C-alpha atoms as a PDB file:
ATOM      1  CA  MET A   1     -34.731  25.336  25.397  1.00  0.00           C
ATOM      2  CA  ILE A   2     -33.319  21.904  26.179  1.00  0.00           C
ATOM      3  CA  ALA A   3     -35.201  20.431  23.246  1.00  0.00           C
ATOM      4  CA  THR A   4     -33.655  22.904  20.822  1.00  0.00           C
ATOM      5  CA  LYS A   5     -30.101  22.457  22.083  1.00  0.00           C
ATOM      6  CA  GLN A   6     -30.062  18.651  22.041  1.00  0.00           C
ATOM      7  CA  PRO A   7     -30.179  18.244  18.219  1.00  0.00           C
ATOM      8  CA  LEU A   8     -27.322  20.731  17.882  1.00  0.00           C
ATOM      9  CA  SER A   9     -25.252  18.838  20.439  1.00  0.00           C
ATOM     10  CA  SER A  10     -25.963  15.533  18.701  1.00  0.00           C
ATOM     11  CA  SER A  11     -25.115  17.037  15.313  1.00  0.00           C
ATOM     12  CA  ARG A  12     -21.853  18.449  16.639  1.00  0.00           C
ATOM     13  CA  LEU A  13     -20.871  15.123  18.203  1.00  0.00           C
ATOM     14  CA  SER A  14     -21.609  13.332  14.933  1.00  0.00           C
ATOM     15  CA  ALA A  15     -19.515  15.879  13.022  1.00  0.00           C
ATOM     16  CA  VAL A  16     -16.560  15.403  15.386  1.00  0.00           C
ATOM     17  CA  ALA A  17     -16.810  11.623  14.918  1.00  0.00           C
ATOM     18  CA  GLN A  18     -16.875  12.045  11.131  1.00  0.00           C
ATOM     19  CA  MET A  19     -13.875  14.362  11.249  1.00  0.00           C
ATOM     20  CA  LEU A  20     -11.911  11.900  13.375  1.00  0.00           C
ATOM     21  CA  ALA A  21     -12.839   9.185  10.875  1.00  0.00           C
ATOM     22  CA  SER A  22     -11.471  11.429   8.115  1.00  0.00           C
ATOM     23  CA  VAL A  23      -8.147  11.878   9.944  1.00  0.00           C
ATOM     24  CA  VAL A  24      -7.835   8.138  10.619  1.00  0.00           C
ATOM     25  CA  SER A  25      -8.812   7.234   7.042  1.00  0.00           C
ATOM     26  CA  LEU A  26      -6.195   9.585   5.596  1.00  0.00           C
ATOM     27  CA  GLN A  27      -3.339   8.247   7.714  1.00  0.00           C
ATOM     28  CA  PHE A  28      -4.259   4.573   7.389  1.00  0.00           C
ATOM     29  CA  GLY A  29      -4.575   5.135   3.637  1.00  0.00           C
ATOM     30  CA  SER A  30      -1.042   6.529   3.650  1.00  0.00           C
ATOM     31  CA  SER A  31       0.163   3.483   5.598  1.00  0.00           C
ATOM     32  CA  LEU A  32      -1.460   1.203   3.026  1.00  0.00           C
ATOM     33  CA  ALA A  33       0.198   3.261   0.304  1.00  0.00           C
ATOM     34  CA  LYS A  34       3.603   2.767   1.922  1.00  0.00           C
ATOM     35  CA  SER A  35       3.084  -0.999   1.939  1.00  0.00           C
ATOM     36  CA  LEU A  36       2.701  -0.826  -1.861  1.00  0.00           C
ATOM     37  CA  PHE A  37       6.049   0.942  -2.399  1.00  0.00           C
ATOM     38  CA  PRO A  38       7.979  -2.326  -3.003  1.00  0.00           C
ATOM     39  CA  ILE A  39       5.541  -3.179  -5.812  1.00  0.00           C
ATOM     40  CA  PHE A  40       4.911   0.116  -7.619  1.00  0.00           C
ATOM     41  CA  GLY A  41       7.470   2.504  -6.109  1.00  0.00           C
ATOM     42  CA  ALA A  42       6.637   5.690  -4.212  1.00  0.00           C
ATOM     43  CA  VAL A  43       5.973   7.763  -7.349  1.00  0.00           C
ATOM     44  CA  GLY A  44       3.847   5.005  -8.871  1.00  0.00           C
ATOM     45  CA  VAL A  45       1.699   4.786  -5.741  1.00  0.00           C
ATOM     46  CA  VAL A  46       1.200   8.540  -5.453  1.00  0.00           C
ATOM     47  CA  SER A  47       0.277   8.675  -9.143  1.00  0.00           C
ATOM     48  CA  MET A  48      -2.466   6.123  -8.423  1.00  0.00           C
ATOM     49  CA  ARG A  49      -3.691   8.081  -5.417  1.00  0.00           C
ATOM     50  CA  ILE A  50      -3.962  11.316  -7.388  1.00  0.00           C
ATOM     51  CA  GLY A  51      -5.081   9.703 -10.653  1.00  0.00           C
ATOM     52  CA  PHE A  52      -7.853   7.507  -9.264  1.00  0.00           C
ATOM     53  CA  ALA A  53      -9.032  10.259  -6.885  1.00  0.00           C
ATOM     54  CA  ALA A  54      -9.146  12.728  -9.795  1.00  0.00           C
ATOM     55  CA  ILE A  55     -11.263  10.308 -11.822  1.00  0.00           C
ATOM     56  CA  LEU A  56     -13.629   9.652  -8.904  1.00  0.00           C
ATOM     57  CA  LEU A  57     -14.195  13.343  -8.159  1.00  0.00           C
ATOM     58  CA  ALA A  58     -14.489  14.241 -11.852  1.00  0.00           C
ATOM     59  CA  VAL A  59     -17.329  11.718 -12.183  1.00  0.00           C
ATOM     60  CA  ILE A  60     -19.043  12.737  -8.937  1.00  0.00           C
ATOM     61  CA  VAL A  61     -18.564  16.529  -8.992  1.00  0.00           C
ATOM     62  CA  ARG A  62     -18.303  17.205 -12.771  1.00  0.00           C
ATOM     63  CA  PRO A  63     -16.309  20.420 -12.440  1.00  0.00           C
ATOM     64  CA  PHE A  64     -15.615  21.141 -16.108  1.00  0.00           C
ATOM     65  CA  SER A  65     -18.861  22.913 -16.968  1.00  0.00           C
ATOM     66  CA  ARG A  66     -18.553  25.177 -13.913  1.00  0.00           C
ATOM     67  CA  MET A  67     -14.954  26.329 -14.388  1.00  0.00           C
ATOM     68  CA  THR A  68     -14.069  29.483 -16.331  1.00  0.00           C
ATOM     69  CA  ARG A  69     -10.757  30.183 -18.029  1.00  0.00           C
ATOM     70  CA  ASP A  70      -9.719  32.429 -15.130  1.00  0.00           C
ATOM     71  CA  SER A  71     -10.652  29.691 -12.668  1.00  0.00           C
ATOM     72  CA  TRP A  72      -8.455  27.186 -14.506  1.00  0.00           C
ATOM     73  CA  ARG A  73      -5.563  29.658 -14.305  1.00  0.00           C
ATOM     74  CA  LEU A  74      -5.946  29.576 -10.531  1.00  0.00           C
ATOM     75  CA  ALA A  75      -6.470  25.816 -10.485  1.00  0.00           C
ATOM     76  CA  ALA A  76      -3.181  25.162 -12.304  1.00  0.00           C
ATOM     77  CA  PRO A  77      -0.782  26.255  -9.503  1.00  0.00           C
ATOM     78  CA  TYR A  78      -3.159  24.772  -6.936  1.00  0.00           C
ATOM     79  CA  GLY A  79      -3.131  21.369  -8.607  1.00  0.00           C
ATOM     80  CA  LEU A  80       0.618  21.426  -9.257  1.00  0.00           C
ATOM     81  CA  SER A  81       1.383  22.310  -5.632  1.00  0.00           C
ATOM     82  CA  MET A  82      -0.959  19.513  -4.556  1.00  0.00           C
ATOM     83  CA  ALA A  83       0.870  17.032  -6.781  1.00  0.00           C
ATOM     84  CA  GLY A  84       4.278  18.236  -5.581  1.00  0.00           C
ATOM     85  CA  MET A  85       3.185  17.988  -1.960  1.00  0.00           C
ATOM     86  CA  ASN A  86       2.007  14.399  -2.366  1.00  0.00           C
ATOM     87  CA  VAL A  87       5.018  13.269  -4.397  1.00  0.00           C
ATOM     88  CA  CYS A  88       7.490  14.691  -1.869  1.00  0.00           C
ATOM     89  CA  PHE A  89       5.448  13.268   1.014  1.00  0.00           C
ATOM     90  CA  TYR A  90       5.427   9.752  -0.449  1.00  0.00           C
ATOM     91  CA  LEU A  91       9.129   9.939  -1.286  1.00  0.00           C
ATOM     92  CA  ALA A  92       9.789  10.928   2.334  1.00  0.00           C
ATOM     93  CA  LEU A  93       7.594   8.063   3.550  1.00  0.00           C
ATOM     94  CA  ASP A  94       9.904   5.695   1.688  1.00  0.00           C
ATOM     95  CA  ARG A  95      12.764   6.786   3.988  1.00  0.00           C
ATOM     96  CA  LEU A  96      11.173   7.927   7.270  1.00  0.00           C
ATOM     97  CA  PRO A  97       8.539   6.595   9.702  1.00  0.00           C
ATOM     98  CA  MET A  98       4.963   7.780   9.148  1.00  0.00           C
ATOM     99  CA  GLY A  99       4.669   9.849  12.329  1.00  0.00           C
ATOM    100  CA  VAL A 100       7.983  11.629  11.787  1.00  0.00           C
ATOM    101  CA  THR A 101       7.164  12.435   8.147  1.00  0.00           C
ATOM    102  CA  VAL A 102       3.743  13.918   8.942  1.00  0.00           C
ATOM    103  CA  ALA A 103       5.128  15.913  11.879  1.00  0.00           C
ATOM    104  CA  ILE A 104       7.861  17.464   9.706  1.00  0.00           C
ATOM    105  CA  GLU A 105       5.295  18.187   6.979  1.00  0.00           C
ATOM    106  CA  PHE A 106       3.154  20.055   9.524  1.00  0.00           C
ATOM    107  CA  ILE A 107       5.952  22.545  10.258  1.00  0.00           C
ATOM    108  CA  GLY A 108       5.396  24.628   7.086  1.00  0.00           C
ATOM    109  CA  PRO A 109       1.670  25.360   7.565  1.00  0.00           C
ATOM    110  CA  LEU A 110       2.300  25.879  11.278  1.00  0.00           C
ATOM    111  CA  LEU A 111       4.955  28.514  10.582  1.00  0.00           C
ATOM    112  CA  LEU A 112       2.634  30.092   8.004  1.00  0.00           C
ATOM    113  CA  SER A 113      -0.058  30.477  10.673  1.00  0.00           C
ATOM    114  CA  LEU A 114       2.476  31.914  13.130  1.00  0.00           C
ATOM    115  CA  SER A 115       3.699  34.419  10.524  1.00  0.00           C
ATOM    116  CA  HIS A 116       0.192  35.943  10.420  1.00  0.00           C
ATOM    117  CA  SER A 117       0.141  36.583  14.153  1.00  0.00           C
ATOM    118  CA  ARG A 118       1.702  39.233  16.390  1.00  0.00           C
ATOM    119  CA  ARG A 119       0.723  37.779  19.768  1.00  0.00           C
ATOM    120  CA  VAL A 120       3.398  37.270  22.421  1.00  0.00           C
ATOM    121  CA  LEU A 121       2.036  33.805  23.220  1.00  0.00           C
ATOM    122  CA  ASP A 122       2.905  32.679  19.710  1.00  0.00           C
ATOM    123  CA  ILE A 123       6.589  32.886  20.660  1.00  0.00           C
ATOM    124  CA  ALA A 124       5.903  29.962  22.994  1.00  0.00           C
ATOM    125  CA  TRP A 125       4.268  27.977  20.181  1.00  0.00           C
ATOM    126  CA  LEU A 126       7.236  28.717  17.923  1.00  0.00           C
ATOM    127  CA  ALA A 127       9.658  27.573  20.644  1.00  0.00           C
ATOM    128  CA  LEU A 128       7.620  24.393  21.119  1.00  0.00           C
ATOM    129  CA  THR A 129       7.734  23.770  17.364  1.00  0.00           C
ATOM    130  CA  VAL A 130      11.520  24.133  17.349  1.00  0.00           C
ATOM    131  CA  ALA A 131      11.755  21.814  20.358  1.00  0.00           C
ATOM    132  CA  GLY A 132       9.604  19.227  18.604  1.00  0.00           C
ATOM    133  CA  LEU A 133      11.674  19.418  15.434  1.00  0.00           C
ATOM    134  CA  THR A 134      14.868  19.054  17.475  1.00  0.00           C
ATOM    135  CA  LEU A 135      13.525  15.963  19.226  1.00  0.00           C
ATOM    136  CA  LEU A 136      12.514  14.460  15.885  1.00  0.00           C
ATOM    137  CA  LEU A 137      15.834  15.060  14.151  1.00  0.00           C
ATOM    138  CA  TYR A 138      18.490  14.882  16.881  1.00  0.00           C
ATOM    139  CA  PRO A 139      19.999  11.395  17.416  1.00  0.00           C
ATOM    140  CA  HIS A 140      19.523   9.732  20.791  1.00  0.00           C
ATOM    141  CA  GLY A 141      20.429   6.439  22.416  1.00  0.00           C
ATOM    142  CA  GLY A 142      22.934   5.378  19.789  1.00  0.00           C
ATOM    143  CA  ALA A 143      20.589   6.074  16.872  1.00  0.00           C
ATOM    144  CA  GLY A 144      21.913   8.154  13.996  1.00  0.00           C
ATOM    145  CA  PHE A 145      20.343  11.171  12.360  1.00  0.00           C
ATOM    146  CA  PRO A 146      17.229  10.453  10.269  1.00  0.00           C
ATOM    147  CA  ASP A 147      17.837   9.924   6.561  1.00  0.00           C
ATOM    148  CA  PRO A 148      18.787  13.446   5.354  1.00  0.00           C
ATOM    149  CA  VAL A 149      17.210  12.892   1.936  1.00  0.00           C
ATOM    150  CA  GLY A 150      13.954  11.839   3.600  1.00  0.00           C
ATOM    151  CA  VAL A 151      14.022  14.901   5.863  1.00  0.00           C
ATOM    152  CA  LEU A 152      14.609  17.137   2.824  1.00  0.00           C
ATOM    153  CA  GLU A 153      11.722  15.490   0.956  1.00  0.00           C
ATOM    154  CA  ALA A 154       9.407  15.958   3.959  1.00  0.00           C
ATOM    155  CA  ALA A 155      10.509  19.612   4.187  1.00  0.00           C
ATOM    156  CA  LEU A 156       9.802  20.109   0.469  1.00  0.00           C
ATOM    157  CA  SER A 157       6.371  18.564   1.009  1.00  0.00           C
ATOM    158  CA  SER A 158       5.848  21.090   3.799  1.00  0.00           C
ATOM    159  CA  VAL A 159       6.774  23.957   1.453  1.00  0.00           C
ATOM    160  CA  CYS A 160       4.390  22.617  -1.196  1.00  0.00           C
ATOM    161  CA  TRP A 161       1.672  22.430   1.463  1.00  0.00           C
ATOM    162  CA  VAL A 162       2.149  26.142   2.168  1.00  0.00           C
ATOM    163  CA  LEU A 163       1.857  26.885  -1.564  1.00  0.00           C
ATOM    164  CA  TYR A 164      -1.203  24.634  -1.688  1.00  0.00           C
ATOM    165  CA  ILE A 165      -2.860  26.660   1.097  1.00  0.00           C
ATOM    166  CA  ILE A 166      -2.075  30.004  -0.556  1.00  0.00           C
ATOM    167  CA  THR A 167      -3.204  28.967  -4.050  1.00  0.00           C
ATOM    168  CA  GLY A 168      -6.193  27.087  -2.635  1.00  0.00           C
ATOM    169  CA  LYS A 169      -7.487  30.200  -0.864  1.00  0.00           C
ATOM    170  CA  ARG A 170      -7.321  32.122  -4.134  1.00  0.00           C
ATOM    171  CA  LEU A 171      -9.217  29.422  -6.018  1.00  0.00           C
ATOM    172  CA  ALA A 172     -11.765  29.014  -3.206  1.00  0.00           C
ATOM    173  CA  GLY A 173     -12.644  32.685  -3.623  1.00  0.00           C
ATOM    174  CA  ARG A 174     -13.839  31.940  -7.170  1.00  0.00           C
ATOM    175  CA  VAL A 175     -15.508  28.509  -7.026  1.00  0.00           C
ATOM    176  CA  GLU A 176     -17.162  26.133  -4.558  1.00  0.00           C
ATOM    177  CA  ALA A 177     -14.944  23.924  -2.394  1.00  0.00           C
ATOM    178  CA  THR A 178     -15.993  20.744  -4.192  1.00  0.00           C
ATOM    179  CA  ILE A 179     -15.219  22.269  -7.585  1.00  0.00           C
ATOM    180  CA  ALA A 180     -11.864  23.575  -6.361  1.00  0.00           C
ATOM    181  CA  ALA A 181     -10.788  20.158  -5.075  1.00  0.00           C
ATOM    182  CA  ALA A 182     -11.966  18.326  -8.190  1.00  0.00           C
ATOM    183  CA  SER A 183     -10.265  20.785 -10.550  1.00  0.00           C
ATOM    184  CA  GLY A 184      -7.060  20.748  -8.497  1.00  0.00           C
ATOM    185  CA  LEU A 185      -6.938  16.957  -8.533  1.00  0.00           C
ATOM    186  CA  PHE A 186      -7.588  17.018 -12.287  1.00  0.00           C
ATOM    187  CA  VAL A 187      -4.567  19.286 -12.836  1.00  0.00           C
ATOM    188  CA  GLY A 188      -2.477  17.149 -10.491  1.00  0.00           C
ATOM    189  CA  GLY A 189      -3.663  14.049 -12.321  1.00  0.00           C
ATOM    190  CA  LEU A 190      -2.562  15.519 -15.647  1.00  0.00           C
ATOM    191  CA  ALA A 191       0.885  16.253 -14.194  1.00  0.00           C
ATOM    192  CA  MET A 192       1.151  12.658 -12.962  1.00  0.00           C
ATOM    193  CA  ALA A 193      -0.452  11.099 -16.068  1.00  0.00           C
ATOM    194  CA  PRO A 194       2.728   9.465 -17.497  1.00  0.00           C
ATOM    195  CA  TRP A 195       3.486   7.729 -14.180  1.00  0.00           C
ATOM    196  CA  PHE A 196      -0.184   6.883 -13.646  1.00  0.00           C
ATOM    197  CA  ALA A 197      -0.490   5.261 -17.076  1.00  0.00           C
ATOM    198  CA  ALA A 198       2.731   3.279 -16.643  1.00  0.00           C
ATOM    199  CA  THR A 199       1.701   2.106 -13.166  1.00  0.00           C
ATOM    200  CA  VAL A 200      -1.783   1.041 -14.266  1.00  0.00           C
ATOM    201  CA  VAL A 201      -0.380  -0.863 -17.260  1.00  0.00           C
ATOM    202  CA  SER A 202       2.162  -2.657 -15.075  1.00  0.00           C
ATOM    203  CA  GLY A 203      -0.555  -3.377 -12.523  1.00  0.00           C
ATOM    204  CA  MET A 204      -2.805  -5.102 -15.060  1.00  0.00           C
ATOM    205  CA  SER A 205      -0.927  -8.328 -14.366  1.00  0.00           C
ATOM    206  CA  GLN A 206      -1.467  -7.801 -10.613  1.00  0.00           C
ATOM    207  CA  PRO A 207      -5.145  -6.776 -10.331  1.00  0.00           C
ATOM    208  CA  LEU A 208      -5.200  -7.323  -6.568  1.00  0.00           C
ATOM    209  CA  TRP A 209      -2.425  -4.771  -6.014  1.00  0.00           C
ATOM    210  CA  LEU A 210      -4.028  -2.408  -8.524  1.00  0.00           C
ATOM    211  CA  GLY A 211      -7.234  -2.652  -6.503  1.00  0.00           C
ATOM    212  CA  ALA A 212      -5.210  -1.751  -3.421  1.00  0.00           C
ATOM    213  CA  GLY A 213      -4.105   1.382  -5.294  1.00  0.00           C
ATOM    214  CA  VAL A 214      -7.754   2.322  -5.835  1.00  0.00           C
ATOM    215  CA  LEU A 215      -8.359   1.738  -2.118  1.00  0.00           C
ATOM    216  CA  VAL A 216      -5.480   4.122  -1.323  1.00  0.00           C
ATOM    217  CA  ALA A 217      -7.185   6.814  -3.422  1.00  0.00           C
ATOM    218  CA  VAL A 218     -10.481   6.237  -1.600  1.00  0.00           C
ATOM    219  CA  LEU A 219      -8.990   6.162   1.914  1.00  0.00           C
ATOM    220  CA  SER A 220      -6.485   8.992   1.371  1.00  0.00           C
ATOM    221  CA  SER A 221      -8.544  11.374  -0.765  1.00  0.00           C
ATOM    222  CA  ALA A 222     -12.142  10.544  -1.694  1.00  0.00           C
ATOM    223  CA  LEU A 223     -13.455   9.422   1.716  1.00  0.00           C
ATOM    224  CA  PRO A 224     -11.672  12.056   3.870  1.00  0.00           C
ATOM    225  CA  TYR A 225     -12.690  14.822   1.486  1.00  0.00           C
ATOM    226  CA  THR A 226     -16.345  13.706   1.489  1.00  0.00           C
ATOM    227  CA  LEU A 227     -16.434  13.555   5.285  1.00  0.00           C
ATOM    228  CA  GLU A 228     -14.804  16.988   5.572  1.00  0.00           C
ATOM    229  CA  CYS A 229     -17.401  18.502   3.236  1.00  0.00           C
ATOM    230  CA  LEU A 230     -20.151  17.097   5.468  1.00  0.00           C
ATOM    231  CA  VAL A 231     -18.744  18.524   8.713  1.00  0.00           C
ATOM    232  CA  MET A 232     -17.618  21.963   7.519  1.00  0.00           C
ATOM    233  CA  LYS A 233     -21.155  23.315   7.896  1.00  0.00           C
ATOM    234  CA  VAL A 234     -21.357  22.078  11.493  1.00  0.00           C
ATOM    235  CA  LEU A 235     -17.909  22.650  13.005  1.00  0.00           C
ATOM    236  CA  SER A 236     -16.073  25.965  13.205  1.00  0.00           C
ATOM    237  CA  GLY A 237     -12.679  26.483  11.625  1.00  0.00           C
ATOM    238  CA  ARG A 238     -11.154  26.320  15.097  1.00  0.00           C
ATOM    239  CA  ASP A 239     -12.776  22.942  15.787  1.00  0.00           C
ATOM    240  CA  LEU A 240     -11.474  21.624  12.474  1.00  0.00           C
ATOM    241  CA  GLY A 241      -7.987  22.928  13.198  1.00  0.00           C
ATOM    242  CA  ILE A 242      -7.846  21.125  16.540  1.00  0.00           C
ATOM    243  CA  LEU A 243      -8.881  17.853  14.901  1.00  0.00           C
ATOM    244  CA  TYR A 244      -6.399  18.309  12.027  1.00  0.00           C
ATOM    245  CA  SER A 245      -3.690  18.760  14.654  1.00  0.00           C
ATOM    246  CA  LEU A 246      -4.153  15.116  15.601  1.00  0.00           C
ATOM    247  CA  GLU A 247      -2.884  13.923  12.214  1.00  0.00           C
ATOM    248  CA  PRO A 248       0.744  13.326  13.329  1.00  0.00           C
ATOM    249  CA  VAL A 249      -0.539  11.169  16.200  1.00  0.00           C
ATOM    250  CA  ALA A 250      -2.860   9.260  13.864  1.00  0.00           C
ATOM    251  CA  ALA A 251       0.054   8.800  11.462  1.00  0.00           C
ATOM    252  CA  ALA A 252       2.270   7.402  14.217  1.00  0.00           C
ATOM    253  CA  CYS A 253      -0.486   4.975  15.285  1.00  0.00           C
ATOM    254  CA  ALA A 254      -1.134   3.882  11.696  1.00  0.00           C
ATOM    255  CA  GLY A 255       2.579   3.368  11.120  1.00  0.00           C
ATOM    256  CA  LEU A 256       2.836   1.255  14.269  1.00  0.00           C
ATOM    257  CA  LEU A 257      -0.259  -0.883  13.621  1.00  0.00           C
ATOM    258  CA  LEU A 258       0.106  -1.454   9.872  1.00  0.00           C
ATOM    259  CA  LEU A 259       3.844  -1.112   9.286  1.00  0.00           C
ATOM    260  CA  GLY A 260       5.380  -1.996  12.646  1.00  0.00           C
ATOM    261  CA  GLU A 261       7.061   1.430  12.924  1.00  0.00           C
ATOM    262  CA  ALA A 262       7.689   1.794  16.653  1.00  0.00           C
ATOM    263  CA  LEU A 263       8.932   5.258  17.635  1.00  0.00           C
ATOM    264  CA  SER A 264      11.380   6.045  20.413  1.00  0.00           C
ATOM    265  CA  LEU A 265      10.162   8.064  23.399  1.00  0.00           C
ATOM    266  CA  GLN A 266      12.160  11.049  22.121  1.00  0.00           C
ATOM    267  CA  LYS A 267      10.474  11.030  18.708  1.00  0.00           C
ATOM    268  CA  ALA A 268       7.062  10.487  20.297  1.00  0.00           C
ATOM    269  CA  LEU A 269       7.665  13.566  22.470  1.00  0.00           C
ATOM    270  CA  GLY A 270       8.711  15.485  19.354  1.00  0.00           C
ATOM    271  CA  ILE A 271       5.406  14.620  17.684  1.00  0.00           C
ATOM    272  CA  VAL A 272       3.500  15.667  20.817  1.00  0.00           C
ATOM    273  CA  CYS A 273       5.314  19.039  20.787  1.00  0.00           C
ATOM    274  CA  VAL A 274       4.272  19.676  17.171  1.00  0.00           C
ATOM    275  CA  VAL A 275       0.666  18.635  17.898  1.00  0.00           C
ATOM    276  CA  VAL A 276       0.431  20.872  20.993  1.00  0.00           C
ATOM    277  CA  ALA A 277       1.989  23.819  19.128  1.00  0.00           C
ATOM    278  CA  SER A 278      -0.461  23.368  16.259  1.00  0.00           C
ATOM    279  CA  ALA A 279      -3.428  23.124  18.630  1.00  0.00           C
ATOM    280  CA  GLY A 280      -2.160  26.166  20.538  1.00  0.00           C
ATOM    281  CA  VAL A 281      -1.969  28.256  17.374  1.00  0.00           C
ATOM    282  CA  VAL A 282      -5.529  27.232  16.497  1.00  0.00           C
ATOM    283  CA  LEU A 283      -6.938  27.951  19.958  1.00  0.00           C
ATOM    284  CA  ASN A 284      -5.320  31.381  20.150  1.00  0.00           C
ATOM    285  CA  GLY A 285      -5.738  32.364  16.501  1.00  0.00           C
ATOM    286  CA  GLN A 286      -8.494  33.305  14.110  1.00  0.00           C
ATOM    287  CA  ASP A 287     -10.569  30.945  11.999  1.00  0.00           C
ATOM    288  CA  ASP A 288      -8.928  32.323   8.859  1.00  0.00           C
ATOM    289  CA  ASP A 289      -5.537  31.077  10.046  1.00  0.00           C
ATOM    290  CA  ILE A 290      -6.543  27.443  10.482  1.00  0.00           C
ATOM    291  CA  LEU A 291      -4.227  24.829   9.021  1.00  0.00           C
ATOM    292  CA  GLU A 292      -5.812  23.396   5.890  1.00  0.00           C
ATOM    293  CA  PRO A 293      -5.400  19.732   4.991  1.00  0.00           C
ATOM    294  CA  PRO A 294      -4.717  18.409   1.526  1.00  0.00           C
ATOM    295  CA  PRO A 295      -7.529  16.503  -0.168  1.00  0.00           C
END
């Protein structure tokens, strides 16, 4: 019996490590993206992330021959919500620290999960979410309120994330996960095509920075998505949800290490509240209610 359990344990440990690598890759990719804002602008950088990732997945997955007309009708709102989520997120990053932006963005999917539950304990998770949001937004120690435009952009990204989850579930019921992601990125890439083309043309004179844009697409989309596909057959939805809940912490660490964004104790506690609330919802919920990350 020991011999049969050991491979499973080793496989599970490897999957957890790969999932953590996915979370870290995504957030460090976003930090790298933020460092490119002075060169290409927030919209230019997000257009490169979506555009290059769409090209990479289109070449690797080749979704076009496996999509029907009805599937494309479902992929359209999925891809547009994905594009809107990323644009609003990057615009918010231009005004707010990484950890704060990701924590605010998490609120929408977290509230969506809570709305599907009728358990008394979920009132505690909701209260903890409100407490975390208050700590993130309320001024302390002479500091003013966070940039209101940035907060609004992060909130809009959160709303788009909810739409992304809803439309993604509908598309996932028709096609494989890899096809859904590739088709969604293709639609998002079409929506961002004018900005993508302009950014690539302007970047021709700065090939090093253009290469950094490709790296953003790999770190923020292609690599995390590939790792997630590998672990989904090993880890349960609950396991994945717990690991996704670490994203605000990973974002805060990436912001500190790559961008020098040190957070106050109050904001750090706010992020912890959101992470604990998210993990609590996952631990006490059903696998179907797990927060789903963007590709």
